[in-house]
C-alpha atoms as a PDB file:
ATOM      1  CA  MET A   1      89.462  67.741 103.954  1.00  0.00           C
ATOM      2  CA  ASP A   2      89.153  71.484 103.282  1.00  0.00           C
ATOM      3  CA  LEU A   3      88.868  73.159 106.509  1.00  0.00           C
ATOM      4  CA  GLU A   4      88.263  76.836 104.884  1.00  0.00           C
ATOM      5  CA  PRO A   5      84.378  76.709 104.974  1.00  0.00           C
ATOM      6  CA  LEU A   6      84.544  75.679 108.676  1.00  0.00           C
ATOM      7  CA  ILE A   7      86.649  78.729 109.811  1.00  0.00           C
ATOM      8  CA  SER A   8      85.002  81.710 110.593  1.00  0.00           C
ATOM      9  CA  ARG A   9      86.791  85.134 110.016  1.00  0.00           C
ATOM     10  CA  MET A  10      87.142  88.000 112.769  1.00  0.00           C
ATOM     11  CA  LYS A  11      86.262  91.380 111.732  1.00  0.00           C
ATOM     12  CA  LEU A  12      89.234  93.622 111.002  1.00  0.00           C
ATOM     13  CA  GLY A  13      91.162  94.583 114.077  1.00  0.00           C
ATOM     14  CA  ALA A  14      88.671  92.942 116.363  1.00  0.00           C
ATOM     15  CA  ALA A  15      91.308  92.886 119.092  1.00  0.00           C
ATOM     16  CA  GLY A  16      92.460  96.525 118.447  1.00  0.00           C
ATOM     17  CA  GLU A  17      95.241  98.138 116.970  1.00  0.00           C
ATOM     18  CA  THR A  18      98.909  96.724 117.510  1.00  0.00           C
ATOM     19  CA  GLY A  19     100.847  98.620 119.717  1.00  0.00           C
ATOM     20  CA  LEU A  20     104.680  98.978 119.731  1.00  0.00           C
ATOM     21  CA  TRP A  21     105.144  95.553 121.236  1.00  0.00           C
ATOM     22  CA  ARG A  22     105.192  93.437 117.961  1.00  0.00           C
ATOM     23  CA  ASN A  23     108.632  92.008 117.499  1.00  0.00           C
ATOM     24  CA  TYR A  24     108.156  90.327 114.118  1.00  0.00           C
ATOM     25  CA  ARG A  25     105.956  91.029 111.095  1.00  0.00           C
ATOM     26  CA  PRO A  26     104.901  88.727 108.138  1.00  0.00           C
ATOM     27  CA  VAL A  27     106.183  89.797 104.583  1.00  0.00           C
ATOM     28  CA  VAL A  28     104.694  87.919 101.647  1.00  0.00           C
ATOM     29  CA  ASN A  29     107.041  86.867  98.640  1.00  0.00           C
ATOM     30  CA  LYS A  30     104.819  87.497  95.896  1.00  0.00           C
ATOM     31  CA  ASP A  31     106.969  85.464  93.568  1.00  0.00           C
ATOM     32  CA  LEU A  32     106.386  82.348  95.727  1.00  0.00           C
ATOM     33  CA  CYS A  33     102.809  83.119  96.628  1.00  0.00           C
ATOM     34  CA  ASN A  34     100.348  81.123  94.536  1.00  0.00           C
ATOM     35  CA  ARG A  35      97.273  83.030  95.986  1.00  0.00           C
ATOM     36  CA  CYS A  36      95.611  79.887  97.584  1.00  0.00           C
ATOM     37  CA  LYS A  37      94.484  82.240 100.277  1.00  0.00           C
ATOM     38  CA  THR A  38      95.203  79.914 103.396  1.00  0.00           C
ATOM     39  CA  CYS A  39      96.729  82.868 105.009  1.00  0.00           C
ATOM     40  CA  PHE A  40      93.651  84.859 104.484  1.00  0.00           C
ATOM     41  CA  SER A  41      91.531  82.032 106.020  1.00  0.00           C
ATOM     42  CA  TYR A  42      93.683  81.400 109.053  1.00  0.00           C
ATOM     43  CA  CYS A  43      94.688  84.872 110.233  1.00  0.00           C
ATOM     44  CA  PRO A  44      93.021  85.220 113.557  1.00  0.00           C
ATOM     45  CA  GLU A  45      93.045  89.062 113.444  1.00  0.00           C
ATOM     46  CA  GLY A  46      91.617  88.968 109.851  1.00  0.00           C
ATOM     47  CA  VAL A  47      94.135  91.409 108.731  1.00  0.00           C
ATOM     48  CA  ILE A  48      95.117  89.630 105.382  1.00  0.00           C
ATOM     49  CA  SER A  49      92.928  90.532 102.536  1.00  0.00           C
ATOM     50  CA  GLU A  50      91.719  88.309  99.691  1.00  0.00           C
ATOM     51  CA  GLU A  51      94.591  90.219  97.491  1.00  0.00           C
ATOM     52  CA  ILE A  52      96.909  88.856 100.076  1.00  0.00           C
ATOM     53  CA  GLU A  53      97.613  92.284 101.413  1.00  0.00           C
ATOM     54  CA  ILE A  54      98.635  92.708 105.127  1.00  0.00           C
ATOM     55  CA  ASP A  55      97.122  95.564 107.274  1.00  0.00           C
ATOM     56  CA  TYR A  56     100.026  96.065 109.691  1.00  0.00           C
ATOM     57  CA  ARG A  57      97.961  98.549 111.817  1.00  0.00           C
ATOM     58  CA  PHE A  58      96.090  95.370 113.456  1.00  0.00           C
ATOM     59  CA  CYS A  59      98.683  92.415 112.726  1.00  0.00           C
ATOM     60  CA  LYS A  60      99.836  91.171 115.960  1.00  0.00           C
ATOM     61  CA  GLY A  61     102.831  89.245 114.425  1.00  0.00           C
ATOM     62  CA  CYS A  62     101.406  85.841 115.595  1.00  0.00           C
ATOM     63  CA  GLY A  63     102.938  83.991 112.616  1.00  0.00           C
ATOM     64  CA  ILE A  64     100.038  81.597 111.917  1.00  0.00           C
ATOM     65  CA  CYS A  65     100.057  82.878 108.552  1.00  0.00           C
ATOM     66  CA  LYS A  66     103.765  81.780 107.863  1.00  0.00           C
ATOM     67  CA  GLU A  67     103.177  78.330 109.654  1.00  0.00           C
ATOM     68  CA  MET A  68     100.113  77.585 107.518  1.00  0.00           C
ATOM     69  CA  CYS A  69     101.582  78.584 104.087  1.00  0.00           C
ATOM     70  CA  LYS A  70     102.443  75.664 102.170  1.00  0.00           C
ATOM     71  CA  GLN A  71     104.380  77.574  99.548  1.00  0.00           C
ATOM     72  CA  LYS A  72     106.706  79.013 102.364  1.00  0.00           C
ATOM     73  CA  ALA A  73     106.054  82.595 100.927  1.00  0.00           C
ATOM     74  CA  ILE A  74     105.517  84.184 104.023  1.00  0.00           C
ATOM     75  CA  GLU A  75     108.566  85.056 106.121  1.00  0.00           C
ATOM     76  CA  MET A  76     108.520  86.766 109.656  1.00  0.00           C
ATOM     77  CA  VAL A  77     110.923  89.716 109.874  1.00  0.00           C
ATOM     78  CA  PRO A  78     111.954  91.735 112.656  1.00  0.00           C
ATOM     79  CA  GLU A  79     110.463  95.135 113.273  1.00  0.00           C
END
């Protein structure tokens, strides 16, 4: 079942800019990424663009994008 049409996206930074408390940030390995946009669809902050670019000003480092990536193209790295 394709869940993407059922998922609504938050507006960019709806929860505000990220402070200094984020411990990890997602980094996309462009060689492994197949541009399926699963991370784009599941990001609760809406900070991943359709081009799979991450706006770190608003990323909370929750890791949902990493967990949902079937290609294992996203790694959470320490700040």
